[in-house]
Protein backbone atom coordinates (compact mmCIF):
# COMPACT_ATOMS: atom_id res chain seq x y z
CA MET A 1 8.87 -59.65 18.23
CA ASP A 2 11.39 -56.75 19.02
CA GLN A 3 10.17 -54.05 21.80
CA ASN A 4 12.22 -51.60 20.30
CA THR A 5 11.26 -51.58 16.50
CA HIS A 6 8.47 -48.73 16.51
CA ALA A 7 9.28 -45.31 16.67
CA PRO A 8 7.20 -42.72 18.78
CA ASN A 9 3.81 -41.87 17.46
CA PRO A 10 3.98 -38.38 16.40
CA ASP A 11 0.34 -38.13 17.42
CA PRO A 12 -0.14 -36.57 20.75
CA ALA A 13 -3.50 -37.71 21.09
CA LEU A 14 -2.25 -41.36 21.03
CA SER A 15 0.83 -41.01 22.99
CA ASN A 16 -0.97 -42.78 26.10
CA THR A 17 -1.93 -45.57 24.09
CA SER A 18 -0.33 -49.11 24.11
CA ILE A 19 1.93 -50.28 21.48
CA ILE A 20 0.52 -53.42 20.05
CA GLU A 21 2.15 -56.28 18.14
CA LEU A 22 0.55 -56.09 14.70
CA THR A 23 -1.78 -53.44 13.33
CA ILE A 24 -3.53 -54.01 9.90
CA LEU A 25 -5.09 -51.32 7.88
CA ALA A 26 -6.77 -51.09 4.62
CA PRO A 27 -7.95 -47.97 2.77
CA ALA A 28 -11.48 -48.00 1.84
CA HIS A 29 -13.89 -46.08 -0.45
CA ASN A 30 -17.37 -47.17 -0.74
CA GLU A 31 -16.89 -50.85 0.25
CA GLU A 32 -19.81 -51.85 1.79
CA GLU A 33 -20.24 -55.00 0.27
CA ASN A 34 -16.85 -56.06 1.41
CA VAL A 35 -16.29 -54.78 4.80
CA ASP A 36 -17.67 -57.73 6.90
CA LEU A 37 -16.11 -60.62 5.03
CA LEU A 38 -12.84 -58.55 5.27
CA ILE A 39 -12.95 -58.42 9.01
CA GLU A 40 -13.89 -62.04 9.06
CA GLU A 41 -10.91 -63.17 7.34
CA ILE A 42 -8.59 -61.30 9.02
CA GLU A 43 -9.49 -62.53 12.55
CA ALA A 44 -9.49 -66.11 10.90
CA ALA A 45 -5.80 -65.29 9.93
CA ILE A 46 -4.27 -63.58 12.88
CA GLU A 47 -6.39 -64.63 15.95
CA PRO A 48 -4.60 -68.60 15.97
CA LEU A 49 -0.97 -66.68 15.81
CA GLY A 50 -1.95 -65.58 19.62
CA ILE A 51 -0.25 -62.12 19.19
CA SER A 52 -1.99 -58.24 20.12
CA PHE A 53 -3.62 -56.93 17.06
CA GLU A 54 -5.64 -54.15 15.72
CA PHE A 55 -7.51 -53.56 12.37
CA ILE A 56 -7.88 -50.28 10.86
CA ILE A 57 -10.20 -49.54 7.86
CA VAL A 58 -9.50 -45.88 6.57
CA ASP A 59 -12.86 -44.52 5.33
CA ASP A 60 -11.68 -42.52 2.62
CA GLY A 61 -14.76 -40.20 1.79
CA SER A 62 -17.34 -43.37 1.80
CA THR A 63 -20.88 -42.26 0.72
CA ASP A 64 -22.19 -45.80 1.34
CA SER A 65 -22.54 -47.72 4.67
CA THR A 66 -18.53 -48.49 4.69
CA LYS A 67 -18.07 -46.81 8.02
CA SER A 68 -21.30 -47.65 9.76
CA LYS A 69 -20.44 -51.50 8.94
CA ALA A 70 -17.20 -51.44 10.13
CA LEU A 71 -18.20 -49.44 13.46
CA ALA A 72 -20.92 -52.41 13.84
CA HIS A 73 -18.15 -54.63 14.54
CA GLN A 74 -16.78 -52.89 17.54
CA THR A 75 -19.37 -54.50 19.84
CA SER A 76 -17.95 -58.01 19.48
CA ARG A 77 -14.80 -57.50 18.12
CA PRO A 78 -12.76 -54.44 20.09
CA TRP A 79 -9.25 -54.81 17.92
CA VAL A 80 -11.40 -52.94 14.94
CA ARG A 81 -11.18 -49.46 14.45
CA CYS A 82 -12.34 -46.82 11.97
CA VAL A 83 -10.29 -43.57 11.01
CA SER A 84 -12.34 -41.46 8.63
CA MET A 85 -10.70 -38.84 6.39
CA THR A 86 -11.53 -35.43 6.47
CA GLY A 87 -11.51 -32.72 4.03
CA THR A 88 -12.34 -35.42 1.33
CA PRO A 89 -13.81 -33.95 -1.86
CA LYS A 90 -17.58 -34.47 -2.45
CA ASP A 91 -18.50 -38.02 -3.34
CA SER A 92 -14.84 -38.94 -4.07
CA GLY A 93 -11.80 -39.89 -1.44
CA ASN A 94 -8.39 -38.16 -1.20
CA GLY A 95 -6.82 -41.56 -2.76
CA GLN A 96 -4.38 -44.49 -0.91
CA SER A 97 -1.50 -42.40 -0.59
CA ALA A 98 -3.30 -39.92 1.62
CA ALA A 99 -5.39 -42.97 3.15
CA PHE A 100 -2.22 -45.15 4.37
CA HIS A 101 -0.55 -41.64 5.40
CA ALA A 102 -3.40 -41.20 7.78
CA GLY A 103 -3.59 -44.80 9.11
CA PHE A 104 -0.12 -45.37 9.68
CA ARG A 105 -0.61 -42.39 12.45
CA ALA A 106 -3.45 -43.85 13.79
CA ALA A 107 -1.74 -47.38 14.24
CA ARG A 108 -0.52 -48.52 17.36
CA GLY A 109 1.48 -51.56 16.13
CA GLN A 110 5.23 -52.63 16.16
CA LEU A 111 4.51 -53.78 13.01
CA ILE A 112 2.07 -52.64 10.34
CA ALA A 113 0.15 -54.54 7.63
CA THR A 114 -1.78 -53.22 4.70
CA LEU A 115 -3.80 -54.70 2.32
CA ASP A 116 -6.63 -53.67 -0.05
CA ALA A 117 -10.55 -53.80 1.26
CA ASP A 118 -11.72 -55.36 -2.11
CA LEU A 119 -10.73 -58.84 -0.73
CA GLN A 120 -8.26 -59.22 -3.85
CA ASN A 121 -5.25 -59.56 -1.21
CA ASP A 122 -5.85 -62.51 1.18
CA PRO A 123 -5.44 -62.26 4.83
CA ALA A 124 -4.37 -65.65 5.25
CA ASP A 125 -1.05 -64.64 3.43
CA TYR A 126 0.11 -62.63 6.55
CA PRO A 127 1.41 -65.86 8.60
CA ALA A 128 3.66 -67.03 6.43
CA MET A 129 5.12 -62.89 5.57
CA LEU A 130 5.46 -62.69 9.61
CA LYS A 131 7.62 -65.86 9.31
CA LEU A 132 9.54 -64.61 6.65
CA LEU A 133 10.28 -61.19 8.14
CA GLU A 134 11.57 -63.02 11.14
CA SER A 135 13.40 -65.47 9.24
CA SER A 136 15.05 -63.22 7.14
CA ASN A 137 15.84 -60.75 9.46
CA ALA A 138 14.37 -58.12 7.10
CA ASP A 139 12.69 -54.83 7.80
CA PHE A 140 9.81 -55.24 5.51
CA VAL A 141 7.87 -57.78 3.36
CA GLN A 142 6.36 -57.35 0.03
CA GLY A 143 3.96 -59.61 -1.79
CA ASP A 144 4.43 -60.70 -5.12
CA ARG A 145 0.75 -61.60 -6.89
CA SER A 146 2.55 -61.80 -10.32
CA ALA A 147 2.40 -65.53 -10.67
CA ALA A 148 -1.12 -65.77 -9.18
CA ARG A 149 -2.16 -63.09 -11.60
CA SER A 150 -0.15 -64.28 -15.03
CA GLN A 151 -3.02 -66.76 -15.73
CA GLY A 152 -6.19 -64.48 -15.18
CA ASP A 153 -4.85 -61.12 -16.50
CA ALA A 154 -5.52 -59.80 -19.91
CA LYS A 155 -2.44 -59.71 -21.83
CA ILE A 156 -2.29 -56.01 -22.40
CA ARG A 157 -2.08 -55.56 -18.80
CA GLN A 158 0.61 -58.25 -18.53
CA ILE A 159 2.23 -55.89 -20.75
CA GLY A 160 1.51 -52.62 -19.03
CA SER A 161 2.88 -54.01 -15.89
CA TRP A 162 6.10 -55.45 -17.77
CA VAL A 163 6.61 -51.85 -19.20
CA GLY A 164 6.19 -50.37 -15.55
CA ARG A 165 8.91 -52.45 -13.84
CA LYS A 166 10.96 -51.42 -16.87
CA PHE A 167 10.69 -47.84 -16.41
CA ARG A 168 10.98 -48.38 -12.28
CA LEU A 169 14.10 -50.01 -13.10
CA ILE A 170 15.61 -47.70 -15.25
CA VAL A 171 14.51 -44.41 -13.20
CA LEU A 172 14.76 -45.62 -9.64
CA GLY A 173 16.85 -48.96 -10.26
CA ASP A 174 13.61 -50.38 -8.33
CA THR A 175 13.89 -54.54 -8.57
CA ILE A 176 10.47 -54.79 -6.66
CA THR A 177 8.42 -57.47 -9.01
CA ASP A 178 4.93 -56.23 -8.03
CA THR A 179 5.05 -53.11 -6.60
CA GLY A 180 1.44 -52.45 -6.77
CA CYS A 181 0.46 -54.91 -4.60
CA SER A 182 -0.94 -53.76 -1.13
CA LEU A 183 -0.45 -56.94 1.04
CA ARG A 184 2.78 -56.17 2.75
CA ILE A 185 4.43 -56.12 6.47
CA MET A 186 6.47 -53.37 7.62
CA LYS A 187 8.38 -52.28 10.88
CA ARG A 188 6.64 -49.21 12.23
CA ASP A 189 9.67 -46.71 11.74
CA ILE A 190 9.18 -47.44 8.05
CA ALA A 191 5.67 -46.57 7.73
CA LEU A 192 5.79 -43.00 9.52
CA ARG A 193 8.91 -41.95 7.27
CA LEU A 194 7.22 -42.72 3.71
CA PRO A 195 6.36 -39.29 1.94
CA LEU A 196 2.36 -40.28 1.32
CA GLU A 197 1.26 -36.98 1.75
CA PHE A 198 2.05 -36.97 -2.13
CA LYS A 199 -0.79 -38.39 -4.56
CA GLY A 200 0.58 -41.87 -6.21
CA ALA A 201 3.24 -42.13 -3.73
CA HIS A 202 2.01 -45.66 -2.38
CA ARG A 203 3.15 -46.96 -5.82
CA PHE A 204 6.83 -46.51 -4.65
CA ILE A 205 6.60 -47.60 -0.88
CA PRO A 206 8.75 -50.67 -0.78
CA ALA A 207 11.53 -48.73 -3.17
CA THR A 208 11.36 -45.68 -1.00
CA ALA A 209 12.01 -48.15 2.10
CA ARG A 210 14.83 -49.34 0.28
CA HIS A 211 16.40 -46.01 -0.80
CA LEU A 212 15.71 -45.35 3.19
CA GLY A 213 18.17 -48.21 4.15
CA TYR A 214 15.84 -50.47 4.93
CA THR A 215 15.52 -54.74 4.06
CA VAL A 216 13.08 -55.46 1.71
CA VAL A 217 12.35 -58.77 0.64
CA GLU A 218 9.35 -60.33 -1.61
CA MET A 219 7.12 -63.21 -0.98
CA PRO A 220 4.61 -65.16 -3.41
CA VAL A 221 1.14 -64.33 -2.27
CA ALA A 222 -2.39 -65.04 -3.56
CA HIS A 223 -4.54 -62.69 -5.62
CA ARG A 224 -8.30 -63.37 -6.10
CA ASN A 225 -11.15 -61.71 -8.20
CA ARG A 226 -13.00 -58.78 -6.42
CA HIS A 227 -15.68 -60.12 -4.02
CA ALA A 228 -18.04 -57.14 -4.83
CA GLY A 229 -18.35 -53.89 -5.74
CA THR A 230 -16.35 -51.94 -8.88
CA PRO A 231 -12.73 -50.38 -8.56
CA LYS A 232 -12.72 -47.41 -6.74
CA TYR A 233 -8.71 -46.45 -6.65
CA GLY A 234 -7.47 -48.47 -10.02
CA MET A 235 -7.50 -46.80 -13.15
CA GLY A 236 -7.25 -47.65 -16.77
CA ILE A 237 -3.65 -48.45 -18.18
CA THR A 238 -3.57 -45.66 -20.34
CA LYS A 239 -4.80 -43.30 -17.47
CA ARG A 240 -2.21 -44.56 -14.99
CA ALA A 241 0.53 -44.76 -17.77
CA ILE A 242 1.46 -40.96 -18.24
CA PRO A 243 0.86 -39.92 -14.68
CA GLY A 244 2.75 -43.09 -13.21
CA LEU A 245 5.66 -41.92 -15.59
CA VAL A 246 5.73 -38.14 -14.05
CA ASP A 247 5.44 -39.77 -10.96
CA LEU A 248 8.56 -42.11 -11.17
CA PHE A 249 10.63 -38.75 -12.02
CA ALA A 250 9.07 -36.63 -8.92
CA ILE A 251 9.98 -39.55 -6.52
CA ARG A 252 13.84 -39.56 -8.33
CA TRP A 253 13.96 -35.99 -7.73
CA MET A 254 12.69 -36.07 -4.47
CA ARG A 255 15.28 -39.01 -3.23
CA SER A 256 18.25 -36.48 -4.51
CA ARG A 257 16.73 -33.87 -2.23
CA ARG A 258 16.54 -36.15 0.89
CA ARG A 259 19.32 -35.33 3.78
CA PRO A 260 20.10 -37.07 6.85
CA VAL A 261 18.14 -36.52 10.03
CA THR A 262 20.16 -38.15 12.63
CA SER A 263 20.99 -35.91 15.49
CA VAL A 264 23.08 -35.87 18.41
CA GLU A 265 21.74 -34.10 21.73
CA THR A 266 25.09 -32.01 23.46
CA THR A 267 25.33 -30.97 26.82
CA GLN A 268 27.34 -28.59 28.89
CA ASP A 269 28.81 -31.36 31.35
CA GLN A 270 29.90 -33.56 28.38
CA SER A 271 27.59 -36.22 29.52
CA PRO A 272 27.17 -39.09 27.15
CA PRO A 273 24.80 -37.95 24.40
CA ILE A 274 21.52 -38.83 23.51
CA THR A 275 21.71 -40.14 19.96
CA THR A 276 18.57 -40.41 17.35
CA ARG A 277 19.36 -42.99 14.93
CA THR A 278 17.86 -43.64 11.68
CA PRO A 279 18.92 -46.02 8.66
CA SER A 280 21.26 -44.33 6.29
CA PRO A 281 19.56 -42.83 3.35
CA GLU A 282 22.37 -44.54 0.96
CA SER A 283 20.29 -46.15 -1.68
CA THR A 284 20.36 -49.99 -1.40
CA GLU A 285 17.99 -50.86 -4.46
CA THR A 286 20.65 -52.98 -5.62
CA GLN A 287 20.55 -55.64 -2.79
CA ASN A 288 19.01 -59.15 -3.18
CA ALA A 289 15.35 -59.04 -2.38
């Protein structure tokens, strides 16, 4: 993996920690019944690759034993970390966008992978995603569950997903098939540039990466039924539709306000300048995924 793909971590508390190859992170709110198996599945999928990695579970205001279960693994699995969200509302979390934002800033990996904590995503897909990232010379691999879900989802949910894709295409030019799939791998600098302080922004992670000038490719991945518990972040279709449409226009407006942040340091003796480069903000949504 390219040793120069990561961006400096903005958190001074982490400035002296070593950069590793892969960080996997999962937001979790009251997922005590899934934590143990999730960690075991990640270990089974990644350890055979022989790369340095860590797993961060972002405890988003859990009121059960999610945090303690994760911490119990640190004795035998030092690559397990737990980041606890602060300032969460009573008996609820700050949401997936905020949890991803916190996790990305705690991550030490040159590559950062995400997944849901409910075991619907399968960590066994990660090795193939890493291979695709390298072979396609891409910056980001986005999972696509559509084929796996086509047989199991109710008709109304399939229709809702189709309508959502059409609106994203019309409003944002977003051609990503399954933007709601949390199973993804991206280069570190992408994760740190995503505007995830805003509620709902996680739904537009791949589209935002493309707009920032990064190459995003898609890969079919597995989809499983929730192992245990009930959905904590998901909402019904009717509750998602209107906020989702509002978010579409908000993201479109924010994109129009984005400006280049590249800079060149100038010196009195006219020494060769030190240039900070970031991908062009010019939209690349029309590229083939």
